Amino acid sequence: MTERYTQKELKEYFYEALSMFNEVLDTDITPETVIIDFFTLSNGLAVYRSFCEKYFPDRYEKQHEAKGYFEFMGAEAFVGDKQYGVLIRSDIDFTLGEVLMIFLHEISHLFCTKNEIDGGDFYDKYCMGSGEEDGFFNAGYAV
């Protein structure tokens, strides 16, 4: 059964997923190194813009300005030199299993960007050239 979660619940579930991930891989990704913010369909671009300006100024991408860009996004991961970030969409209904799957997917991006890629951006390296739509669907599975 799907449910809409509060931001507090989503943050708790994110940390639960991170704990599961770290039980297996023991990463440097911790609640202290991850900045979490929330967006809705109606404020997605504004939150994204502010989040990038404040924490990840080199990660702002114009493609996010396209109409409907945030419509199918559940979360997005960001990696900086000393911190990680995740934007989480808080206005859609998910089952708890789907929430945890999305969070583990984004945590995998955080891990792979720092540990599996010899420089460069995950999306650019593994998904570009396969088409924008393919990139959205395959970004988390390419490695």
Protein backbone atom coordinates (compact mmCIF):
# COMPACT_ATOMS: atom_id res chain seq x y z
CA MET A 1 0.00 0.00 0.00
CA THR A 2 1.38 3.41 -0.94
CA GLU A 3 1.71 6.18 1.57
CA ARG A 4 2.85 9.78 1.71
CA TYR A 5 5.59 10.28 4.27
CA THR A 6 6.60 13.33 6.29
CA GLN A 7 10.02 14.87 5.76
CA LYS A 8 11.04 13.57 9.18
CA GLU A 9 10.01 10.03 8.23
CA LEU A 10 11.78 10.27 4.87
CA LYS A 11 14.97 11.41 6.57
CA GLU A 12 14.74 8.53 9.06
CA TYR A 13 14.21 6.04 6.21
CA PHE A 14 17.15 7.52 4.31
CA TYR A 15 19.40 6.97 7.33
CA GLU A 16 18.00 3.44 7.71
CA ALA A 17 18.90 2.72 4.06
CA LEU A 18 22.34 4.26 4.63
CA SER A 19 22.86 2.02 7.64
CA MET A 20 21.95 -1.05 5.55
CA PHE A 21 24.37 0.09 2.83
CA ASN A 22 27.19 0.67 5.33
CA GLU A 23 26.67 -2.74 6.94
CA VAL A 24 27.89 -4.17 3.65
CA LEU A 25 30.37 -1.59 2.38
CA ASP A 26 31.45 0.49 5.41
CA THR A 27 31.67 3.77 3.50
CA ASP A 28 32.50 7.33 4.51
CA ILE A 29 28.88 8.25 3.76
CA THR A 30 27.31 9.04 7.14
CA PRO A 31 24.45 11.17 8.43
CA GLU A 32 27.11 13.79 9.24
CA THR A 33 28.44 13.89 5.67
CA VAL A 34 25.09 13.94 3.83
CA ILE A 35 23.05 17.10 3.35
CA ILE A 36 19.38 16.28 2.78
CA ASP A 37 16.74 18.63 1.44
CA PHE A 38 13.22 18.11 0.15
CA PHE A 39 11.31 19.30 -2.89
CA THR A 40 7.86 18.99 -4.40
CA LEU A 41 6.78 19.16 -8.00
CA SER A 42 5.75 22.79 -7.52
CA ASN A 43 9.05 23.98 -5.99
CA GLY A 44 11.55 21.51 -7.48
CA LEU A 45 13.52 23.96 -9.58
CA ALA A 46 13.72 26.59 -6.84
CA VAL A 47 14.90 24.04 -4.25
CA TYR A 48 17.37 22.51 -6.72
CA ARG A 49 18.77 25.94 -7.62
CA SER A 50 19.13 26.96 -3.96
CA PHE A 51 20.65 23.59 -2.97
CA CYS A 52 23.24 23.81 -5.74
CA GLU A 53 24.09 27.45 -5.00
CA LYS A 54 24.58 26.73 -1.31
CA TYR A 55 26.28 23.32 -1.33
CA PHE A 56 27.17 22.14 -4.86
CA PRO A 57 27.69 25.16 -7.15
CA ASP A 58 29.47 23.10 -9.81
CA ARG A 59 26.57 20.63 -10.08
CA TYR A 60 23.89 22.99 -11.42
CA GLU A 61 22.66 21.77 -14.82
CA LYS A 62 20.41 23.72 -17.18
CA GLN A 63 18.49 20.57 -18.15
CA HIS A 64 16.72 20.81 -14.78
CA GLU A 65 15.02 23.97 -16.04
CA ALA A 66 13.08 22.03 -18.70
CA LYS A 67 9.36 21.88 -18.13
CA GLY A 68 8.36 18.67 -16.37
CA TYR A 69 11.93 17.72 -15.41
CA PHE A 70 11.05 17.03 -11.77
CA GLU A 71 7.84 15.18 -12.56
CA PHE A 72 9.36 11.70 -12.58
CA MET A 73 12.17 12.26 -10.08
CA GLY A 74 12.02 10.66 -6.64
CA ALA A 75 15.45 11.83 -5.49
CA GLU A 76 18.78 13.06 -6.80
CA ALA A 77 22.29 12.54 -5.41
CA PHE A 78 25.14 15.08 -5.31
CA VAL A 79 28.82 14.55 -4.57
CA GLY A 80 31.25 17.25 -3.53
CA ASP A 81 34.83 17.15 -2.33
CA LYS A 82 33.93 16.93 1.36
CA GLN A 83 30.21 16.33 1.47
CA TYR A 84 27.36 14.45 -0.13
CA GLY A 85 23.85 15.65 -0.80
CA VAL A 86 20.46 14.20 -1.65
CA LEU A 87 17.33 16.01 -2.77
CA ILE A 88 14.24 13.97 -1.93
CA ARG A 89 10.81 14.50 -3.42
CA SER A 90 8.28 14.64 -0.60
CA ASP A 91 4.95 14.94 -2.43
CA ILE A 92 4.43 11.52 -4.00
CA ASP A 93 3.09 8.30 -2.58
CA PHE A 94 5.35 5.27 -2.29
CA THR A 95 5.37 1.97 -0.50
CA LEU A 96 8.09 1.72 2.14
CA GLY A 97 9.91 -0.77 -0.10
CA GLU A 98 9.93 1.76 -2.95
CA VAL A 99 11.22 4.48 -0.63
CA LEU A 100 14.09 2.31 0.56
CA MET A 101 14.87 1.23 -3.02
CA ILE A 102 15.06 4.87 -4.18
CA PHE A 103 17.32 5.76 -1.26
CA LEU A 104 19.63 2.78 -1.80
CA HIS A 105 19.78 3.73 -5.47
CA GLU A 106 20.86 7.29 -4.62
CA ILE A 107 23.34 6.09 -1.98
CA SER A 108 24.82 3.84 -4.67
CA HIS A 109 25.39 6.93 -6.81
CA LEU A 110 27.20 8.58 -3.90
CA PHE A 111 29.39 5.54 -3.39
CA CYS A 112 30.13 4.87 -7.06
CA THR A 113 31.01 8.47 -7.82
CA LYS A 114 33.76 8.47 -5.19
CA ASN A 115 34.85 4.82 -5.32
CA GLU A 116 34.18 3.35 -8.74
CA ILE A 117 34.87 6.18 -11.14
CA ASP A 118 38.33 7.45 -12.02
CA GLY A 119 37.31 11.09 -12.28
CA GLY A 120 34.37 12.52 -14.14
CA ASP A 121 30.66 12.45 -13.53
CA PHE A 122 28.72 9.21 -13.16
CA TYR A 123 25.96 10.27 -15.55
CA ASP A 124 28.40 11.57 -18.17
CA LYS A 125 30.62 8.50 -18.01
CA TYR A 126 28.03 5.77 -17.91
CA CYS A 127 24.88 7.18 -19.45
CA MET A 128 25.64 9.91 -21.96
CA GLY A 129 25.37 8.84 -25.56
CA SER A 130 22.62 6.40 -24.73
CA GLY A 131 19.98 9.12 -24.96
CA GLU A 132 18.47 11.23 -22.22
CA GLU A 133 15.68 8.78 -21.51
CA ASP A 134 18.05 5.82 -21.30
CA GLY A 135 20.28 7.81 -18.96
CA PHE A 136 17.44 8.46 -16.54
CA PHE A 137 16.55 4.78 -16.38
CA ASN A 138 20.04 3.30 -16.46
CA ALA A 139 22.14 5.72 -14.42
CA GLY A 140 21.91 3.64 -11.25
CA TYR A 141 22.55 0.35 -12.97
CA ALA A 142 25.29 1.15 -15.46
CA VAL A 143 28.17 0.22 -13.16
